[in-house]
PDB file of N, CA and C in Angstrom:
ATOM      1  N   MET A   1     113.116 192.210 106.633  1.00  0.00           N
ATOM      2  CA  MET A   1     113.277 193.238 107.484  1.00  0.00           C
ATOM      3  C   MET A   1     112.654 193.222 108.938  1.00  0.00           C
ATOM      4  N   LYS A   2     112.745 192.539 110.214  1.00  0.00           N
ATOM      5  CA  LYS A   2     112.044 192.261 111.349  1.00  0.00           C
ATOM      6  C   LYS A   2     111.634 193.341 112.170  1.00  0.00           C
ATOM      7  N   ARG A   3     111.127 193.244 112.694  1.00  0.00           N
ATOM      8  CA  ARG A   3     109.536 194.280 113.071  1.00  0.00           C
ATOM      9  C   ARG A   3     109.006 193.652 114.157  1.00  0.00           C
ATOM     10  N   VAL A   4     108.933 195.044 115.615  1.00  0.00           N
ATOM     11  CA  VAL A   4     108.358 194.587 116.479  1.00  0.00           C
ATOM     12  C   VAL A   4     106.799 195.451 116.835  1.00  0.00           C
ATOM     13  N   ILE A   5     105.289 194.683 116.798  1.00  0.00           N
ATOM     14  CA  ILE A   5     104.852 195.585 117.107  1.00  0.00           C
ATOM     15  C   ILE A   5     104.014 195.355 118.252  1.00  0.00           C
ATOM     16  N   SER A   6     103.873 196.958 119.185  1.00  0.00           N
ATOM     17  CA  SER A   6     102.926 196.326 120.418  1.00  0.00           C
ATOM     18  C   SER A   6     101.984 197.217 120.086  1.00  0.00           C
ATOM     19  N   TYR A   7     100.811 196.969 120.922  1.00  0.00           N
ATOM     20  CA  TYR A   7      99.619 198.154 120.888  1.00  0.00           C
ATOM     21  C   TYR A   7      98.906 197.992 121.864  1.00  0.00           C
ATOM     22  N   ASP A   8      97.648 199.023 122.001  1.00  0.00           N
ATOM     23  CA  ASP A   8      97.017 199.605 123.130  1.00  0.00           C
ATOM     24  C   ASP A   8      95.608 199.915 122.663  1.00  0.00           C
ATOM     25  N   ILE A   9      95.338 199.339 122.001  1.00  0.00           N
ATOM     26  CA  ILE A   9      93.756 199.196 121.463  1.00  0.00           C
ATOM     27  C   ILE A   9      92.383 199.395 122.783  1.00  0.00           C
ATOM     28  N   MET A  10      92.202 200.483 122.890  1.00  0.00           N
ATOM     29  CA  MET A  10      90.659 200.328 124.252  1.00  0.00           C
ATOM     30  C   MET A  10      89.652 199.429 123.046  1.00  0.00           C
ATOM     31  N   ASN A  11      89.338 199.711 122.300  1.00  0.00           N
ATOM     32  CA  ASN A  11      87.852 199.271 121.833  1.00  0.00           C
ATOM     33  C   ASN A  11      88.054 197.071 121.756  1.00  0.00           C
ATOM     34  N   ASP A  12      87.818 196.431 121.925  1.00  0.00           N
ATOM     35  CA  ASP A  12      87.038 194.921 121.627  1.00  0.00           C
ATOM     36  C   ASP A  12      87.528 194.846 120.612  1.00  0.00           C
ATOM     37  N   ARG A  13      86.250 195.068 120.007  1.00  0.00           N
ATOM     38  CA  ARG A  13      86.203 194.889 118.723  1.00  0.00           C
ATOM     39  C   ARG A  13      86.966 195.069 117.582  1.00  0.00           C
ATOM     40  N   ARG A  14      87.795 196.294 118.296  1.00  0.00           N
ATOM     41  CA  ARG A  14      88.802 196.637 117.040  1.00  0.00           C
ATOM     42  C   ARG A  14      89.987 195.862 117.213  1.00  0.00           C
ATOM     43  N   ARG A  15      89.809 196.208 118.476  1.00  0.00           N
ATOM     44  CA  ARG A  15      91.421 194.691 119.391  1.00  0.00           C
ATOM     45  C   ARG A  15      91.144 193.539 118.703  1.00  0.00           C
ATOM     46  N   ASN A  16      90.523 193.206 118.409  1.00  0.00           N
ATOM     47  CA  ASN A  16      89.884 191.672 118.021  1.00  0.00           C
ATOM     48  C   ASN A  16      90.458 191.567 116.447  1.00  0.00           C
ATOM     49  N   LYS A  17      90.104 193.051 115.961  1.00  0.00           N
ATOM     50  CA  LYS A  17      90.369 193.061 114.428  1.00  0.00           C
ATOM     51  C   LYS A  17      91.786 192.998 113.964  1.00  0.00           C
ATOM     52  N   ILE A  18      92.701 193.978 114.598  1.00  0.00           N
ATOM     53  CA  ILE A  18      93.897 194.344 114.622  1.00  0.00           C
ATOM     54  C   ILE A  18      94.898 192.792 115.301  1.00  0.00           C
ATOM     55  N   PHE A  19      94.436 192.672 115.934  1.00  0.00           N
ATOM     56  CA  PHE A  19      95.079 191.057 116.457  1.00  0.00           C
ATOM     57  C   PHE A  19      95.078 190.246 115.306  1.00  0.00           C
ATOM     58  N   LYS A  20      93.452 189.954 114.948  1.00  0.00           N
ATOM     59  CA  LYS A  20      93.828 189.064 113.403  1.00  0.00           C
ATOM     60  C   LYS A  20      94.508 189.578 112.284  1.00  0.00           C
ATOM     61  N   ILE A  21      94.667 190.596 111.762  1.00  0.00           N
ATOM     62  CA  ILE A  21      95.591 190.818 110.865  1.00  0.00           C
ATOM     63  C   ILE A  21      96.759 190.263 110.908  1.00  0.00           C
ATOM     64  N   LEU A  22      97.407 190.801 112.369  1.00  0.00           N
ATOM     65  CA  LEU A  22      98.690 191.136 112.806  1.00  0.00           C
ATOM     66  C   LEU A  22      99.361 189.980 113.037  1.00  0.00           C
ATOM     67  N   LYS A  23      97.797 189.187 113.697  1.00  0.00           N
ATOM     68  CA  LYS A  23      98.749 186.794 113.275  1.00  0.00           C
ATOM     69  C   LYS A  23      98.805 186.516 111.422  1.00  0.00           C
ATOM     70  N   ASP A  24      97.609 187.112 110.630  1.00  0.00           N
ATOM     71  CA  ASP A  24      98.136 186.264 109.153  1.00  0.00           C
ATOM     72  C   ASP A  24      99.479 186.579 108.846  1.00  0.00           C
ATOM     73  N   TYR A  25     100.590 187.932 109.399  1.00  0.00           N
ATOM     74  CA  TYR A  25     101.249 188.446 108.856  1.00  0.00           C
ATOM     75  C   TYR A  25     102.617 187.661 109.698  1.00  0.00           C
ATOM     76  N   GLY A  26     102.140 188.161 111.497  1.00  0.00           N
ATOM     77  CA  GLY A  26     104.012 187.795 111.840  1.00  0.00           C
ATOM     78  C   GLY A  26     103.712 186.127 113.039  1.00  0.00           C
ATOM     79  N   ARG A  27     104.326 186.277 114.496  1.00  0.00           N
ATOM     80  CA  ARG A  27     104.391 185.399 115.693  1.00  0.00           C
ATOM     81  C   ARG A  27     103.859 186.259 116.836  1.00  0.00           C
ATOM     82  N   TRP A  28     102.789 185.902 117.345  1.00  0.00           N
ATOM     83  CA  TRP A  28     102.393 186.734 118.578  1.00  0.00           C
ATOM     84  C   TRP A  28     102.975 186.029 119.538  1.00  0.00           C
ATOM     85  N   VAL A  29     104.016 186.904 119.919  1.00  0.00           N
ATOM     86  CA  VAL A  29     104.714 187.284 121.207  1.00  0.00           C
ATOM     87  C   VAL A  29     104.603 186.965 122.162  1.00  0.00           C
ATOM     88  N   GLN A  30     103.329 188.175 122.683  1.00  0.00           N
ATOM     89  CA  GLN A  30     103.019 188.198 123.862  1.00  0.00           C
ATOM     90  C   GLN A  30     101.536 189.152 123.969  1.00  0.00           C
ATOM     91  N   TYR A  31     100.729 189.355 124.991  1.00  0.00           N
ATOM     92  CA  TYR A  31      99.016 189.496 124.988  1.00  0.00           C
ATOM     93  C   TYR A  31      99.039 190.395 123.717  1.00  0.00           C
ATOM     94  N   SER A  32     100.525 191.756 123.024  1.00  0.00           N
ATOM     95  CA  SER A  32      99.757 193.126 122.112  1.00  0.00           C
ATOM     96  C   SER A  32     101.122 193.090 121.924  1.00  0.00           C
ATOM     97  N   LEU A  33     101.740 192.144 121.583  1.00  0.00           N
ATOM     98  CA  LEU A  33     103.339 191.994 120.793  1.00  0.00           C
ATOM     99  C   LEU A  33     103.276 191.075 120.249  1.00  0.00           C
ATOM    100  N   PHE A  34     104.169 191.648 118.753  1.00  0.00           N
ATOM    101  CA  PHE A  34     103.733 190.548 118.028  1.00  0.00           C
ATOM    102  C   PHE A  34     105.173 190.939 116.907  1.00  0.00           C
ATOM    103  N   GLU A  35     105.992 189.891 116.687  1.00  0.00           N
ATOM    104  CA  GLU A  35     106.910 189.882 115.263  1.00  0.00           C
ATOM    105  C   GLU A  35     107.075 189.628 114.153  1.00  0.00           C
ATOM    106  N   ILE A  36     107.363 190.273 113.580  1.00  0.00           N
ATOM    107  CA  ILE A  36     106.558 190.655 112.263  1.00  0.00           C
ATOM    108  C   ILE A  36     107.757 190.782 110.738  1.00  0.00           C
ATOM    109  N   GLU A  37     107.913 189.694 110.618  1.00  0.00           N
ATOM    110  CA  GLU A  37     108.985 189.086 109.015  1.00  0.00           C
ATOM    111  C   GLU A  37     108.390 189.405 107.445  1.00  0.00           C
ATOM    112  N   CYS A  38     108.095 190.383 107.305  1.00  0.00           N
ATOM    113  CA  CYS A  38     107.663 190.347 105.471  1.00  0.00           C
ATOM    114  C   CYS A  38     109.066 191.216 104.497  1.00  0.00           C
ATOM    115  N   ASP A  39     108.711 190.796 103.513  1.00  0.00           N
ATOM    116  CA  ASP A  39     108.872 192.031 102.521  1.00  0.00           C
ATOM    117  C   ASP A  39     108.386 193.074 102.751  1.00  0.00           C
ATOM    118  N   GLU A  40     108.987 194.114 101.943  1.00  0.00           N
ATOM    119  CA  GLU A  40     108.572 195.853 101.922  1.00  0.00           C
ATOM    120  C   GLU A  40     107.049 196.133 101.574  1.00  0.00           C
ATOM    121  N   LYS A  41     107.366 195.550 100.455  1.00  0.00           N
ATOM    122  CA  LYS A  41     105.659 195.361  99.852  1.00  0.00           C
ATOM    123  C   LYS A  41     104.734 194.514 100.516  1.00  0.00           C
ATOM    124  N   ARG A  42     104.455 193.610 101.249  1.00  0.00           N
ATOM    125  CA  ARG A  42     104.255 192.901 102.505  1.00  0.00           C
ATOM    126  C   ARG A  42     103.774 194.048 103.730  1.00  0.00           C
ATOM    127  N   TRP A  43     105.201 194.779 104.269  1.00  0.00           N
ATOM    128  CA  TRP A  43     104.804 195.968 105.083  1.00  0.00           C
ATOM    129  C   TRP A  43     103.824 196.482 104.712  1.00  0.00           C
ATOM    130  N   ILE A  44     103.906 197.515 103.522  1.00  0.00           N
ATOM    131  CA  ILE A  44     103.097 198.167 103.159  1.00  0.00           C
ATOM    132  C   ILE A  44     101.459 197.934 103.705  1.00  0.00           C
ATOM    133  N   GLU A  45     101.224 196.964 102.700  1.00  0.00           N
ATOM    134  CA  GLU A  45     100.066 196.314 103.113  1.00  0.00           C
ATOM    135  C   GLU A  45      99.766 196.400 104.409  1.00  0.00           C
ATOM    136  N   LEU A  46     100.564 196.084 105.729  1.00  0.00           N
ATOM    137  CA  LEU A  46      99.862 195.644 106.863  1.00  0.00           C
ATOM    138  C   LEU A  46      99.626 197.654 107.528  1.00  0.00           C
ATOM    139  N   GLU A  47     100.564 197.292 106.807  1.00  0.00           N
ATOM    140  CA  GLU A  47     100.420 199.349 107.697  1.00  0.00           C
ATOM    141  C   GLU A  47      99.056 199.802 107.594  1.00  0.00           C
ATOM    142  N   HIS A  48      98.396 199.636 106.285  1.00  0.00           N
ATOM    143  CA  HIS A  48      97.500 200.214 105.062  1.00  0.00           C
ATOM    144  C   HIS A  48      96.402 199.813 106.466  1.00  0.00           C
ATOM    145  N   ARG A  49      96.079 198.690 106.500  1.00  0.00           N
ATOM    146  CA  ARG A  49      94.882 198.283 106.955  1.00  0.00           C
ATOM    147  C   ARG A  49      94.959 197.793 108.641  1.00  0.00           C
ATOM    148  N   LEU A  50      96.247 198.786 109.450  1.00  0.00           N
ATOM    149  CA  LEU A  50      96.356 198.321 110.628  1.00  0.00           C
ATOM    150  C   LEU A  50      95.663 200.127 110.901  1.00  0.00           C
ATOM    151  N   PHE A  51      96.197 201.554 109.698  1.00  0.00           N
ATOM    152  CA  PHE A  51      96.347 202.452 110.163  1.00  0.00           C
ATOM    153  C   PHE A  51      94.758 202.856 110.459  1.00  0.00           C
ATOM    154  N   ALA A  52      94.038 202.061 109.196  1.00  0.00           N
ATOM    155  CA  ALA A  52      92.466 201.985 108.757  1.00  0.00           C
ATOM    156  C   ALA A  52      91.497 202.232 110.029  1.00  0.00           C
ATOM    157  N   LEU A  53      92.061 200.800 110.897  1.00  0.00           N
ATOM    158  CA  LEU A  53      91.274 200.891 111.866  1.00  0.00           C
ATOM    159  C   LEU A  53      91.650 201.494 113.138  1.00  0.00           C
ATOM    160  N   LEU A  54      92.635 201.898 113.410  1.00  0.00           N
ATOM    161  CA  LEU A  54      93.427 202.438 114.525  1.00  0.00           C
ATOM    162  C   LEU A  54      92.475 203.954 114.859  1.00  0.00           C
ATOM    163  N   ASP A  55      91.664 204.233 115.775  1.00  0.00           N
ATOM    164  CA  ASP A  55      90.835 205.338 115.983  1.00  0.00           C
ATOM    165  C   ASP A  55      92.032 205.742 117.089  1.00  0.00           C
ATOM    166  N   LYS A  56      92.786 207.231 116.225  1.00  0.00           N
ATOM    167  CA  LYS A  56      93.811 208.065 116.392  1.00  0.00           C
ATOM    168  C   LYS A  56      94.144 208.711 118.189  1.00  0.00           C
ATOM    169  N   GLU A  57      92.767 208.642 118.763  1.00  0.00           N
ATOM    170  CA  GLU A  57      92.240 209.594 119.722  1.00  0.00           C
ATOM    171  C   GLU A  57      92.331 208.339 121.095  1.00  0.00           C
ATOM    172  N   GLU A  58      92.282 207.171 120.474  1.00  0.00           N
ATOM    173  CA  GLU A  58      92.204 206.012 121.982  1.00  0.00           C
ATOM    174  C   GLU A  58      93.507 205.894 121.616  1.00  0.00           C
ATOM    175  N   ASP A  59      93.485 204.963 120.625  1.00  0.00           N
ATOM    176  CA  ASP A  59      94.221 203.786 120.213  1.00  0.00           C
ATOM    177  C   ASP A  59      96.076 204.052 120.227  1.00  0.00           C
ATOM    178  N   SER A  60      97.142 203.122 120.561  1.00  0.00           N
ATOM    179  CA  SER A  60      98.530 204.195 120.533  1.00  0.00           C
ATOM    180  C   SER A  60      98.877 201.925 119.801  1.00  0.00           C
ATOM    181  N   LEU A  61     100.191 202.393 118.703  1.00  0.00           N
ATOM    182  CA  LEU A  61     100.401 201.740 118.517  1.00  0.00           C
ATOM    183  C   LEU A  61     102.090 201.942 117.868  1.00  0.00           C
ATOM    184  N   CYS A  62     102.593 201.159 118.296  1.00  0.00           N
ATOM    185  CA  CYS A  62     104.204 201.658 118.375  1.00  0.00           C
ATOM    186  C   CYS A  62     105.088 200.191 117.440  1.00  0.00           C
ATOM    187  N   ILE A  63     105.923 200.881 116.511  1.00  0.00           N
ATOM    188  CA  ILE A  63     106.859 199.868 115.622  1.00  0.00           C
ATOM    189  C   ILE A  63     108.366 200.415 115.695  1.00  0.00           C
ATOM    190  N   TYR A  64     108.522 199.044 116.184  1.00  0.00           N
ATOM    191  CA  TYR A  64     110.142 198.612 116.120  1.00  0.00           C
ATOM    192  C   TYR A  64     111.072 198.017 114.822  1.00  0.00           C
ATOM    193  N   HIS A  65     111.985 198.753 114.036  1.00  0.00           N
ATOM    194  CA  HIS A  65     112.438 198.588 113.511  1.00  0.00           C
ATOM    195  C   HIS A  65     113.792 197.473 113.632  1.00  0.00           C
ATOM    196  N   LEU A  66     114.004 196.284 113.742  1.00  0.00           N
ATOM    197  CA  LEU A  66     115.389 195.586 113.857  1.00  0.00           C
ATOM    198  C   LEU A  66     116.171 195.670 112.806  1.00  0.00           C
ATOM    199  N   CYS A  67     117.173 196.306 112.432  1.00  0.00           N
ATOM    200  CA  CYS A  67     118.485 195.806 111.842  1.00  0.00           C
ATOM    201  C   CYS A  67     118.872 194.111 112.259  1.00  0.00           C
ATOM    202  N   HIS A  68     119.610 194.186 111.022  1.00  0.00           N
ATOM    203  CA  HIS A  68     120.106 192.822 111.032  1.00  0.00           C
ATOM    204  C   HIS A  68     121.163 192.580 112.451  1.00  0.00           C
ATOM    205  N   SER A  69     121.835 193.113 112.957  1.00  0.00           N
ATOM    206  CA  SER A  69     122.103 193.634 113.751  1.00  0.00           C
ATOM    207  C   SER A  69     121.809 193.469 115.397  1.00  0.00           C
ATOM    208  N   CYS A  70     120.910 193.869 115.563  1.00  0.00           N
ATOM    209  CA  CYS A  70     120.060 194.228 116.721  1.00  0.00           C
ATOM    210  C   CYS A  70     119.133 192.527 116.947  1.00  0.00           C
ATOM    211  N   GLN A  71     118.262 191.983 115.397  1.00  0.00           N
ATOM    212  CA  GLN A  71     118.290 190.597 115.922  1.00  0.00           C
ATOM    213  C   GLN A  71     118.333 189.318 116.312  1.00  0.00           C
ATOM    214  N   GLY A  72     120.352 189.647 115.909  1.00  0.00           N
ATOM    215  CA  GLY A  72     121.151 188.712 116.117  1.00  0.00           C
ATOM    216  C   GLY A  72     121.535 189.008 117.790  1.00  0.00           C
ATOM    217  N   LYS A  73     120.776 190.179 118.275  1.00  0.00           N
ATOM    218  CA  LYS A  73     120.922 190.597 120.373  1.00  0.00           C
ATOM    219  C   LYS A  73     119.534 189.879 120.939  1.00  0.00           C
ATOM    220  N   THR A  74     117.884 190.211 120.013  1.00  0.00           N
ATOM    221  CA  THR A  74     117.401 189.488 121.066  1.00  0.00           C
ATOM    222  C   THR A  74     117.327 188.284 121.745  1.00  0.00           C
ATOM    223  N   CYS A  75     116.582 188.174 122.594  1.00  0.00           N
ATOM    224  CA  CYS A  75     116.575 187.659 124.065  1.00  0.00           C
ATOM    225  C   CYS A  75     115.743 187.583 124.305  1.00  0.00           C
ATOM    226  N   TYR A  76     115.101 186.060 124.868  1.00  0.00           N
ATOM    227  CA  TYR A  76     113.945 185.637 125.184  1.00  0.00           C
ATOM    228  C   TYR A  76     114.134 184.838 126.589  1.00  0.00           C
ATOM    229  N   LYS A  77     113.864 185.008 127.600  1.00  0.00           N
ATOM    230  CA  LYS A  77     113.435 185.228 128.885  1.00  0.00           C
ATOM    231  C   LYS A  77     112.010 184.588 129.780  1.00  0.00           C
ATOM    232  N   GLY A  78     111.851 183.897 130.884  1.00  0.00           N
ATOM    233  CA  GLY A  78     110.163 183.385 130.782  1.00  0.00           C
ATOM    234  C   GLY A  78     109.790 182.018 130.394  1.00  0.00           C
ATOM    235  N   GLU A  79     108.170 182.887 130.865  1.00  0.00           N
ATOM    236  CA  GLU A  79     107.607 181.089 130.522  1.00  0.00           C
ATOM    237  C   GLU A  79     107.401 181.161 129.335  1.00  0.00           C
ATOM    238  N   SER A  80     107.719 181.325 128.269  1.00  0.00           N
ATOM    239  CA  SER A  80     107.112 181.620 126.675  1.00  0.00           C
ATOM    240  C   SER A  80     108.632 181.555 126.101  1.00  0.00           C
ATOM    241  N   SER A  81     109.597 181.513 126.048  1.00  0.00           N
ATOM    242  CA  SER A  81     110.859 182.167 125.854  1.00  0.00           C
ATOM    243  C   SER A  81     110.816 182.422 124.347  1.00  0.00           C
ATOM    244  N   GLY A  82     110.042 183.088 123.764  1.00  0.00           N
ATOM    245  CA  GLY A  82     110.031 183.607 122.793  1.00  0.00           C
ATOM    246  C   GLY A  82     109.132 182.243 122.061  1.00  0.00           C
ATOM    247  N   GLU A  83     108.240 181.941 122.542  1.00  0.00           N
ATOM    248  CA  GLU A  83     107.476 181.045 121.628  1.00  0.00           C
ATOM    249  C   GLU A  83     106.056 181.341 121.125  1.00  0.00           C
ATOM    250  N   GLY A  84     106.183 182.225 121.755  1.00  0.00           N
ATOM    251  CA  GLY A  84     105.033 182.957 121.983  1.00  0.00           C
ATOM    252  C   GLY A  84     103.703 182.270 122.355  1.00  0.00           C
ATOM    253  N   VAL A  85     102.162 183.265 122.209  1.00  0.00           N
ATOM    254  CA  VAL A  85     101.503 182.621 123.354  1.00  0.00           C
ATOM    255  C   VAL A  85     100.422 181.519 122.350  1.00  0.00           C
ATOM    256  N   LYS A  86      99.748 180.809 123.541  1.00  0.00           N
ATOM    257  CA  LYS A  86      99.288 179.772 123.057  1.00  0.00           C
ATOM    258  C   LYS A  86      98.136 180.406 122.963  1.00  0.00           C
ATOM    259  N   GLU A  87      97.214 179.999 122.007  1.00  0.00           N
ATOM    260  CA  GLU A  87      95.899 180.360 121.079  1.00  0.00           C
ATOM    261  C   GLU A  87      94.489 180.277 122.441  1.00  0.00           C
ATOM    262  N   SER A  88      94.964 179.131 123.752  1.00  0.00           N
ATOM    263  CA  SER A  88      94.388 179.025 124.946  1.00  0.00           C
ATOM    264  C   SER A  88      94.783 180.297 125.638  1.00  0.00           C
ATOM    265  N   ASP A  89      95.567 181.134 125.659  1.00  0.00           N
ATOM    266  CA  ASP A  89      95.940 182.087 126.477  1.00  0.00           C
ATOM    267  C   ASP A  89      94.972 183.359 126.215  1.00  0.00           C
ATOM    268  N   HIS A  90      94.855 182.932 124.995  1.00  0.00           N
ATOM    269  CA  HIS A  90      93.948 184.704 124.597  1.00  0.00           C
ATOM    270  C   HIS A  90      92.734 185.478 124.904  1.00  0.00           C
ATOM    271  N   ILE A  91      92.947 186.230 125.934  1.00  0.00           N
ATOM    272  CA  ILE A  91      91.768 186.097 127.307  1.00  0.00           C
ATOM    273  C   ILE A  91      91.838 187.790 126.302  1.00  0.00           C
ATOM    274  N   LEU A  92      90.305 188.488 125.571  1.00  0.00           N
ATOM    275  CA  LEU A  92      89.942 189.184 125.100  1.00  0.00           C
ATOM    276  C   LEU A  92      88.458 190.059 125.978  1.00  0.00           C
TER     277      LEU A  92
END
């Protein structure tokens, strides 16, 4: 199943850790947005790693689960056209 994760992490160090974890599991689409496609075992592993780092008082994480039908309706517009953000564009 494909999932889209967006995040708003206040602390720079925590945000960098979250970013690195997400990069191991999926594709960086926009500055705080990743697409993740993995099996259930790997997804549970990712959830545990992310939730262990989150500060529930300051941070937010939003996960969208995309069904197969919805995945086919995904549309990219603009500069990156879904190709992800260039590593050199990463500013933290």
